[in-house]
Amino acid sequence: MRPMPADTNSTTEPRQLVLMKKNQRWVFRYMPGEENVVLHWLAQTARDEQTDFDWFDAAVLSHQMGDQMGAQLKAMMHT
């Protein structure tokens, strides 16, 4: 993961994705700008047959990430 600029606005606050599945809780924390790293990790984990994390889970979390990014863009447009 790459370092982010030392900026105090809301675009540098950490993001979080959460998935509850059966008795497991998947939590992914990342900084804005690292979305590609998270998507790559989701795909790698979905391919891993030794985890209960599947392609549907990856799709749910990538959708959640898109929703968060959309909300951030909306907030930026209204400031």
N, C-alpha and C. Protein backbone atom coordinates (compact mmCIF):
# COMPACT_ATOMS: atom_id res chain seq x y z
N MET A 1 0.84 -1.16 0.00
CA MET A 1 0.00 0.00 0.00
C MET A 1 0.89 1.23 0.00
N ARG A 2 0.44 2.27 -0.69
CA ARG A 2 1.26 3.47 -0.78
C ARG A 2 0.82 4.54 0.21
N PRO A 3 1.79 5.36 0.65
CA PRO A 3 1.44 6.42 1.60
C PRO A 3 0.56 7.47 0.96
N MET A 4 -0.29 8.06 1.77
CA MET A 4 -1.21 9.10 1.31
C MET A 4 -0.66 10.46 1.74
N PRO A 5 -1.04 11.53 1.02
CA PRO A 5 -0.58 12.87 1.41
C PRO A 5 -1.05 13.23 2.81
N ALA A 6 -0.26 14.02 3.49
CA ALA A 6 -0.62 14.47 4.84
C ALA A 6 -1.62 15.61 4.73
N ASP A 7 -2.85 15.27 4.43
CA ASP A 7 -3.93 16.22 4.22
C ASP A 7 -4.97 15.96 5.30
N THR A 8 -5.58 17.00 5.82
CA THR A 8 -6.53 16.81 6.92
C THR A 8 -7.97 16.72 6.46
N ASN A 9 -8.24 16.73 5.16
CA ASN A 9 -9.65 16.66 4.75
C ASN A 9 -10.17 15.23 4.80
N SER A 10 -11.46 15.07 4.57
CA SER A 10 -12.10 13.77 4.75
C SER A 10 -11.65 12.71 3.76
N THR A 11 -10.97 13.10 2.68
CA THR A 11 -10.54 12.11 1.70
C THR A 11 -9.35 11.30 2.20
N THR A 12 -8.75 11.67 3.32
CA THR A 12 -7.62 10.91 3.85
C THR A 12 -8.00 10.07 5.06
N GLU A 13 -9.26 10.06 5.41
CA GLU A 13 -9.69 9.24 6.54
C GLU A 13 -9.80 7.79 6.08
N PRO A 14 -9.41 6.85 6.93
CA PRO A 14 -9.49 5.43 6.56
C PRO A 14 -10.92 5.01 6.21
N ARG A 15 -11.04 4.07 5.32
CA ARG A 15 -12.33 3.49 4.94
C ARG A 15 -12.40 2.08 5.51
N GLN A 16 -13.60 1.56 5.60
CA GLN A 16 -13.79 0.22 6.14
C GLN A 16 -14.90 -0.49 5.39
N LEU A 17 -14.66 -1.74 5.05
CA LEU A 17 -15.68 -2.62 4.48
C LEU A 17 -15.90 -3.76 5.47
N VAL A 18 -17.16 -4.11 5.69
CA VAL A 18 -17.48 -5.17 6.66
C VAL A 18 -18.45 -6.15 6.03
N LEU A 19 -18.17 -7.44 6.21
CA LEU A 19 -19.06 -8.50 5.74
C LEU A 19 -19.26 -9.50 6.87
N MET A 20 -20.50 -9.72 7.22
CA MET A 20 -20.84 -10.75 8.21
C MET A 20 -21.33 -11.96 7.43
N LYS A 21 -20.72 -13.12 7.69
CA LYS A 21 -21.09 -14.35 6.98
C LYS A 21 -20.98 -15.51 7.95
N LYS A 22 -22.09 -16.19 8.12
CA LYS A 22 -22.17 -17.29 9.09
C LYS A 22 -21.66 -16.77 10.43
N ASN A 23 -20.65 -17.40 10.98
CA ASN A 23 -20.12 -16.95 12.27
C ASN A 23 -18.80 -16.18 12.08
N GLN A 24 -18.56 -15.71 10.86
CA GLN A 24 -17.33 -14.96 10.57
C GLN A 24 -17.64 -13.50 10.30
N ARG A 25 -16.66 -12.68 10.60
CA ARG A 25 -16.76 -11.25 10.31
C ARG A 25 -15.50 -10.85 9.56
N TRP A 26 -15.69 -10.38 8.34
CA TRP A 26 -14.58 -9.93 7.51
C TRP A 26 -14.55 -8.41 7.57
N VAL A 27 -13.42 -7.84 7.97
CA VAL A 27 -13.27 -6.39 8.06
C VAL A 27 -12.02 -5.99 7.27
N PHE A 28 -12.19 -5.06 6.35
CA PHE A 28 -11.10 -4.57 5.52
C PHE A 28 -10.98 -3.07 5.72
N ARG A 29 -9.82 -2.61 6.15
CA ARG A 29 -9.58 -1.19 6.34
C ARG A 29 -8.52 -0.76 5.32
N TYR A 30 -8.75 0.40 4.72
CA TYR A 30 -7.83 0.90 3.71
C TYR A 30 -7.95 2.41 3.62
N MET A 31 -6.99 3.01 2.98
CA MET A 31 -6.98 4.45 2.77
C MET A 31 -7.51 4.76 1.37
N PRO A 32 -8.14 5.92 1.19
CA PRO A 32 -8.56 6.33 -0.14
C PRO A 32 -7.37 6.28 -1.09
N GLY A 33 -7.60 5.78 -2.28
CA GLY A 33 -6.53 5.61 -3.26
C GLY A 33 -6.00 4.19 -3.29
N GLU A 34 -6.35 3.38 -2.30
CA GLU A 34 -5.91 1.99 -2.24
C GLU A 34 -7.00 1.02 -2.71
N GLU A 35 -8.04 1.54 -3.35
CA GLU A 35 -9.15 0.70 -3.76
C GLU A 35 -8.71 -0.44 -4.69
N ASN A 36 -7.76 -0.16 -5.57
CA ASN A 36 -7.28 -1.21 -6.47
C ASN A 36 -6.60 -2.34 -5.70
N VAL A 37 -5.90 -2.01 -4.62
CA VAL A 37 -5.26 -3.03 -3.78
C VAL A 37 -6.32 -3.89 -3.12
N VAL A 38 -7.37 -3.26 -2.62
CA VAL A 38 -8.46 -3.99 -1.96
C VAL A 38 -9.16 -4.91 -2.96
N LEU A 39 -9.46 -4.40 -4.15
CA LEU A 39 -10.13 -5.22 -5.17
C LEU A 39 -9.27 -6.42 -5.55
N HIS A 40 -7.97 -6.21 -5.67
CA HIS A 40 -7.06 -7.32 -5.98
C HIS A 40 -7.09 -8.36 -4.86
N TRP A 41 -7.05 -7.89 -3.60
CA TRP A 41 -7.08 -8.81 -2.47
C TRP A 41 -8.41 -9.57 -2.43
N LEU A 42 -9.52 -8.89 -2.70
CA LEU A 42 -10.83 -9.57 -2.71
C LEU A 42 -10.83 -10.70 -3.75
N ALA A 43 -10.29 -10.43 -4.93
CA ALA A 43 -10.25 -11.44 -5.99
C ALA A 43 -9.36 -12.61 -5.59
N GLN A 44 -8.19 -12.33 -5.02
CA GLN A 44 -7.30 -13.40 -4.58
C GLN A 44 -7.95 -14.26 -3.52
N THR A 45 -8.63 -13.63 -2.58
CA THR A 45 -9.26 -14.37 -1.49
C THR A 45 -10.43 -15.21 -2.01
N ALA A 46 -11.19 -14.67 -2.96
CA ALA A 46 -12.31 -15.42 -3.53
C ALA A 46 -11.81 -16.66 -4.28
N ARG A 47 -10.63 -16.58 -4.88
CA ARG A 47 -10.05 -17.73 -5.59
C ARG A 47 -9.54 -18.81 -4.64
N ASP A 48 -9.24 -18.44 -3.42
CA ASP A 48 -8.66 -19.36 -2.45
C ASP A 48 -9.71 -20.33 -1.93
N GLU A 49 -9.58 -21.57 -2.29
CA GLU A 49 -10.58 -22.58 -1.90
C GLU A 49 -10.52 -22.94 -0.42
N GLN A 50 -9.50 -22.47 0.28
CA GLN A 50 -9.37 -22.78 1.70
C GLN A 50 -10.09 -21.77 2.59
N THR A 51 -10.74 -20.77 1.99
CA THR A 51 -11.51 -19.81 2.78
C THR A 51 -13.00 -19.94 2.45
N ASP A 52 -13.82 -19.42 3.32
CA ASP A 52 -15.26 -19.39 3.07
C ASP A 52 -15.66 -18.14 2.30
N PHE A 53 -14.70 -17.34 1.90
CA PHE A 53 -14.94 -16.11 1.17
C PHE A 53 -15.05 -16.46 -0.32
N ASP A 54 -16.19 -16.12 -0.93
CA ASP A 54 -16.41 -16.50 -2.33
C ASP A 54 -16.62 -15.27 -3.21
N TRP A 55 -16.91 -15.52 -4.49
CA TRP A 55 -17.07 -14.42 -5.45
C TRP A 55 -18.26 -13.53 -5.12
N PHE A 56 -19.31 -14.10 -4.57
CA PHE A 56 -20.46 -13.28 -4.16
C PHE A 56 -20.04 -12.31 -3.07
N ASP A 57 -19.26 -12.80 -2.12
CA ASP A 57 -18.76 -11.94 -1.03
C ASP A 57 -17.91 -10.81 -1.59
N ALA A 58 -17.05 -11.13 -2.54
CA ALA A 58 -16.21 -10.12 -3.18
C ALA A 58 -17.07 -9.08 -3.89
N ALA A 59 -18.13 -9.54 -4.55
CA ALA A 59 -19.02 -8.61 -5.25
C ALA A 59 -19.75 -7.70 -4.26
N VAL A 60 -20.20 -8.27 -3.15
CA VAL A 60 -20.90 -7.47 -2.13
C VAL A 60 -19.97 -6.37 -1.60
N LEU A 61 -18.73 -6.73 -1.29
CA LEU A 61 -17.80 -5.74 -0.73
C LEU A 61 -17.36 -4.72 -1.78
N SER A 62 -17.20 -5.14 -3.03
CA SER A 62 -16.83 -4.16 -4.05
C SER A 62 -17.99 -3.20 -4.30
N HIS A 63 -19.22 -3.70 -4.20
CA HIS A 63 -20.39 -2.82 -4.32
C HIS A 63 -20.44 -1.84 -3.15
N GLN A 64 -20.16 -2.34 -1.96
CA GLN A 64 -20.12 -1.49 -0.76
C GLN A 64 -19.07 -0.39 -0.95
N MET A 65 -17.92 -0.74 -1.51
CA MET A 65 -16.87 0.25 -1.76
C MET A 65 -17.37 1.30 -2.75
N GLY A 66 -18.04 0.88 -3.80
CA GLY A 66 -18.59 1.81 -4.78
C GLY A 66 -19.60 2.76 -4.17
N ASP A 67 -20.44 2.24 -3.29
CA ASP A 67 -21.41 3.08 -2.59
C ASP A 67 -20.71 4.15 -1.75
N GLN A 68 -19.65 3.75 -1.05
CA GLN A 68 -18.90 4.69 -0.23
C GLN A 68 -18.26 5.77 -1.08
N MET A 69 -17.70 5.38 -2.22
CA MET A 69 -17.06 6.35 -3.11
C MET A 69 -18.10 7.31 -3.69
N GLY A 70 -19.28 6.79 -4.03
CA GLY A 70 -20.35 7.63 -4.54
C GLY A 70 -20.81 8.64 -3.51
N ALA A 71 -20.94 8.21 -2.28
CA ALA A 71 -21.35 9.11 -1.20
C ALA A 71 -20.30 10.20 -0.99
N GLN A 72 -19.03 9.83 -1.08
CA GLN A 72 -17.97 10.81 -0.92
C GLN A 72 -18.03 11.84 -2.06
N LEU A 73 -18.24 11.39 -3.28
CA LEU A 73 -18.32 12.32 -4.41
C LEU A 73 -19.49 13.28 -4.26
N LYS A 74 -20.62 12.76 -3.81
CA LYS A 74 -21.79 13.61 -3.56
C LYS A 74 -21.49 14.67 -2.53
N ALA A 75 -20.84 14.26 -1.45
CA ALA A 75 -20.51 15.21 -0.39
C ALA A 75 -19.54 16.27 -0.90
N MET A 76 -18.63 15.89 -1.75
CA MET A 76 -17.67 16.86 -2.30
C MET A 76 -18.37 17.85 -3.21
N MET A 77 -19.40 17.42 -3.92
CA MET A 77 -20.12 18.29 -4.83
C MET A 77 -20.96 19.31 -4.07
N HIS A 78 -21.35 18.99 -2.86
CA HIS A 78 -22.21 19.87 -2.07
C HIS A 78 -21.45 20.74 -1.08
N THR A 79 -20.12 20.78 -1.20
CA THR A 79 -19.35 21.63 -0.28
C THR A 79 -18.82 22.85 -1.00
